[in-house]
Protein backbone atom coordinates (compact mmCIF):
# COMPACT_ATOMS: atom_id res chain seq x y z
CA MET A 1 21.23 260.00 60.86
CA GLY A 2 24.37 257.37 61.34
CA VAL A 3 24.50 254.47 62.87
CA ARG A 4 22.66 253.85 65.96
CA MET A 5 24.52 251.74 68.63
CA ARG A 6 22.54 251.02 71.93
CA LEU A 7 24.43 251.19 75.01
CA THR A 8 22.47 250.64 78.03
CA SER A 9 18.83 251.57 79.56
CA VAL A 10 18.16 254.77 81.14
CA GLU A 11 17.09 253.16 84.33
CA THR A 12 21.08 251.57 84.64
CA VAL A 13 22.45 254.95 84.53
CA TYR A 14 20.44 256.41 87.14
CA GLU A 15 20.86 252.79 89.11
CA GLU A 16 24.65 253.09 88.78
CA ARG A 17 25.15 257.26 89.17
CA SER A 18 27.08 256.20 85.35
CA TRP A 19 27.83 254.07 82.77
CA LEU A 20 31.43 254.15 81.85
CA PHE A 21 32.23 252.90 78.01
CA THR A 22 34.87 253.21 75.63
CA VAL A 23 35.07 254.55 72.28
CA ARG A 24 37.45 255.26 69.55
CA ASP A 25 37.37 258.67 68.18
CA GLN A 26 37.47 260.69 64.71
CA HIS A 27 41.97 260.13 64.72
CA GLY A 28 41.57 256.26 65.64
CA ASP A 29 42.56 256.77 69.84
CA PRO A 30 40.54 255.51 72.21
CA GLU A 31 38.69 257.63 74.75
CA GLU A 32 36.52 256.97 77.71
CA VAL A 33 32.81 258.79 77.95
CA ILE A 34 30.41 258.59 80.94
CA LEU A 35 26.62 258.28 80.66
CA VAL A 36 25.14 260.46 83.48
CA PRO A 37 21.74 261.14 84.92
CA CYS A 38 20.59 264.84 83.79
CA THR A 39 17.16 265.95 85.34
CA ASP A 40 15.60 269.20 84.78
CA GLU A 41 15.68 270.80 88.27
CA GLU A 42 13.34 273.43 87.06
CA ALA A 43 10.50 270.99 86.21
CA GLU A 44 11.22 269.12 89.20
CA THR A 45 10.52 272.67 91.27
CA ALA A 46 7.63 273.53 88.94
CA SER A 47 5.79 270.26 89.48
CA SER A 48 6.69 270.18 93.53
CA SER A 49 5.04 273.70 93.50
CA GLU A 50 1.89 272.62 91.79
CA THR A 51 1.59 269.52 93.89
CA GLU A 52 1.81 271.80 96.93
CA ARG A 53 -0.76 274.33 95.39
CA GLU A 54 -3.22 271.46 94.87
CA GLN A 55 -2.81 269.91 98.14
CA ALA A 56 -3.36 273.67 99.77
CA ALA A 57 -6.44 273.44 97.48
CA GLY A 58 -7.50 270.39 99.15
CA GLU A 59 -7.08 268.19 96.63
CA GLU A 60 -5.52 264.84 95.69
CA ALA A 61 -2.41 265.45 94.42
CA ALA A 62 -1.46 262.40 92.13
CA VAL A 63 2.38 261.60 92.99
CA GLU A 64 4.23 260.68 89.44
CA GLU A 65 7.36 258.85 89.87
CA PRO A 66 9.83 259.25 87.22
CA THR A 67 10.04 256.77 84.27
CA ALA A 68 12.57 256.22 81.73
CA GLU A 69 11.02 257.81 79.48
CA ASN A 70 11.19 261.14 81.12
CA ARG A 71 14.21 260.95 82.62
CA GLY A 72 17.72 262.58 81.16
CA VAL A 73 21.08 261.18 80.27
CA GLU A 74 23.84 263.10 79.01
CA ALA A 75 26.93 261.74 77.89
CA TRP A 76 30.59 263.45 78.52
CA VAL A 77 34.37 262.80 77.90
CA ASN A 78 35.48 261.32 80.95
CA GLN A 79 37.97 263.96 81.39
CA CYS A 80 38.20 267.14 83.80
CA THR A 81 38.87 270.08 81.71
CA HIS A 82 41.27 271.47 84.35
CA GLU A 83 43.80 268.80 83.77
CA PHE A 84 44.04 265.20 82.90
CA GLN A 85 41.60 263.71 85.43
CA ARG A 86 39.39 260.88 85.05
CA LEU A 87 35.80 261.70 86.65
CA ASP A 88 34.98 258.48 86.77
CA VAL A 89 37.80 255.82 87.64
CA GLY A 90 35.87 252.69 87.26
CA ARG A 91 33.42 253.09 90.21
CA GLY A 92 31.17 255.25 89.24
CA VAL A 93 30.89 259.30 89.13
CA ALA A 94 30.79 261.22 92.01
CA MET A 95 27.55 263.50 91.83
CA ARG A 96 26.09 265.72 94.33
CA ASP A 97 23.04 267.50 93.68
CA GLY A 98 22.96 266.80 89.85
CA GLN A 99 26.44 267.86 89.63
CA ILE A 100 29.54 265.69 88.48
CA ILE A 101 32.40 266.14 91.18
CA CYS A 102 36.43 266.07 89.22
CA PRO A 103 38.20 263.89 92.15
CA LYS A 104 41.54 265.61 91.71
CA HIS A 105 40.53 269.47 92.90
CA GLY A 106 36.69 269.62 93.82
CA SER A 107 35.49 271.00 90.40
CA MET A 108 31.52 270.67 89.43
CA PHE A 109 30.21 269.97 86.35
CA ASP A 110 26.09 270.07 86.04
CA SER A 111 25.42 266.86 84.57
CA CYS A 112 23.20 268.33 81.88
CA SER A 113 25.04 271.16 80.65
CA GLY A 114 28.94 269.88 81.34
CA TYR A 115 29.51 273.65 82.57
CA CYS A 116 31.57 274.55 85.55
CA ASP A 117 31.51 277.60 87.61
CA ASN A 118 33.66 276.92 90.22
CA GLY A 119 37.39 275.78 91.35
CA GLU A 120 39.99 275.03 88.68
CA ALA A 121 38.02 274.09 85.92
CA ALA A 122 35.91 277.23 86.26
CA ASP A 123 34.18 278.53 83.08
CA THR A 124 34.97 275.40 80.70
CA THR A 125 32.00 272.96 79.76
CA LEU A 126 32.60 268.99 78.82
CA PRO A 127 33.13 267.82 75.61
CA SER A 128 30.25 265.77 74.86
CA ILE A 129 29.41 263.07 73.03
CA GLU A 130 25.92 262.55 71.01
CA ILE A 131 23.51 260.07 72.04
CA THR A 132 19.97 259.82 72.11
CA VAL A 133 17.29 258.46 74.32
CA ASP A 134 14.40 256.07 72.41
CA ARG A 135 12.12 254.10 74.86
CA GLY A 136 14.14 253.81 77.87
CA ASP A 137 17.45 252.62 76.30
CA VAL A 138 20.12 255.08 75.28
CA TYR A 139 21.83 254.94 72.21
CA LEU A 140 25.22 256.31 70.92
CA THR A 141 24.74 258.35 67.75
CA ASP A 142 27.63 260.57 67.58
CA GLY A 143 29.12 259.93 63.81
CA ASP A 144 32.58 261.11 65.08
CA VAL A 145 33.35 258.37 67.66
CA THR A 146 32.74 254.28 67.27
CA PHE A 147 31.68 252.00 70.26
CA MET A 148 34.13 249.55 71.62
CA HIS A 149 32.96 248.25 74.71
CA GLN A 150 31.58 248.80 78.30
CA GLY A 151 34.12 250.09 80.25
CA GLY A 152 37.71 252.00 80.83
CA ILE A 153 40.18 252.30 78.37
CA ASP A 154 41.88 248.98 80.44
CA ASP A 155 38.82 247.25 80.79
CA GLY A 156 38.71 245.54 77.80
CA ASP A 157 42.80 244.76 77.71
CA ASP A 158 43.10 241.29 78.93
CA GLY A 159 47.06 242.37 78.90
CA PRO A 160 50.09 240.65 77.06
CA SER A 161 49.98 236.84 76.18
CA SER A 162 52.17 234.60 77.16
CA THR A 163 54.61 233.51 74.70
CA SER A 164 56.75 231.71 76.81
CA HIS A 165 57.48 228.06 76.10
CA LEU A 166 59.03 227.35 79.29
CA SER A 167 56.94 225.04 81.95
CA LEU A 168 56.79 224.61 85.35
């Protein structure tokens, strides 16, 4: 296993809907990546059905709140597969019902699999970046990329420095 770089907490990803960061890819080019919440809807549905059965049987059902340890997070390259379009433009990813929405054409990508089954990007999957969740923290573990900074590509750039010797 390569170097583990702590990115953020699972809690932060859920609170902010997403978490944007920049990496350097294997060719040395900067690339934006988004962390998004990923919940297993089947597990939630099964849990809800079990709770309903327990309540119907007259048993007290303990409501278990999701914790950082049992919530999932996925990392995707911050670009729609249809054409160059950032999914997160610095204000968080637009999401609905566990799907990432492309702001340009409305294609929706499953936040857990990255797969799109509708719109202009239908039958494509977002490129993934390898991460690991450990004790509520998210770590970058993809050996093909190097962490640069939190935020978008331009967020770490303070702009050109002034070399002028003029004074006003």
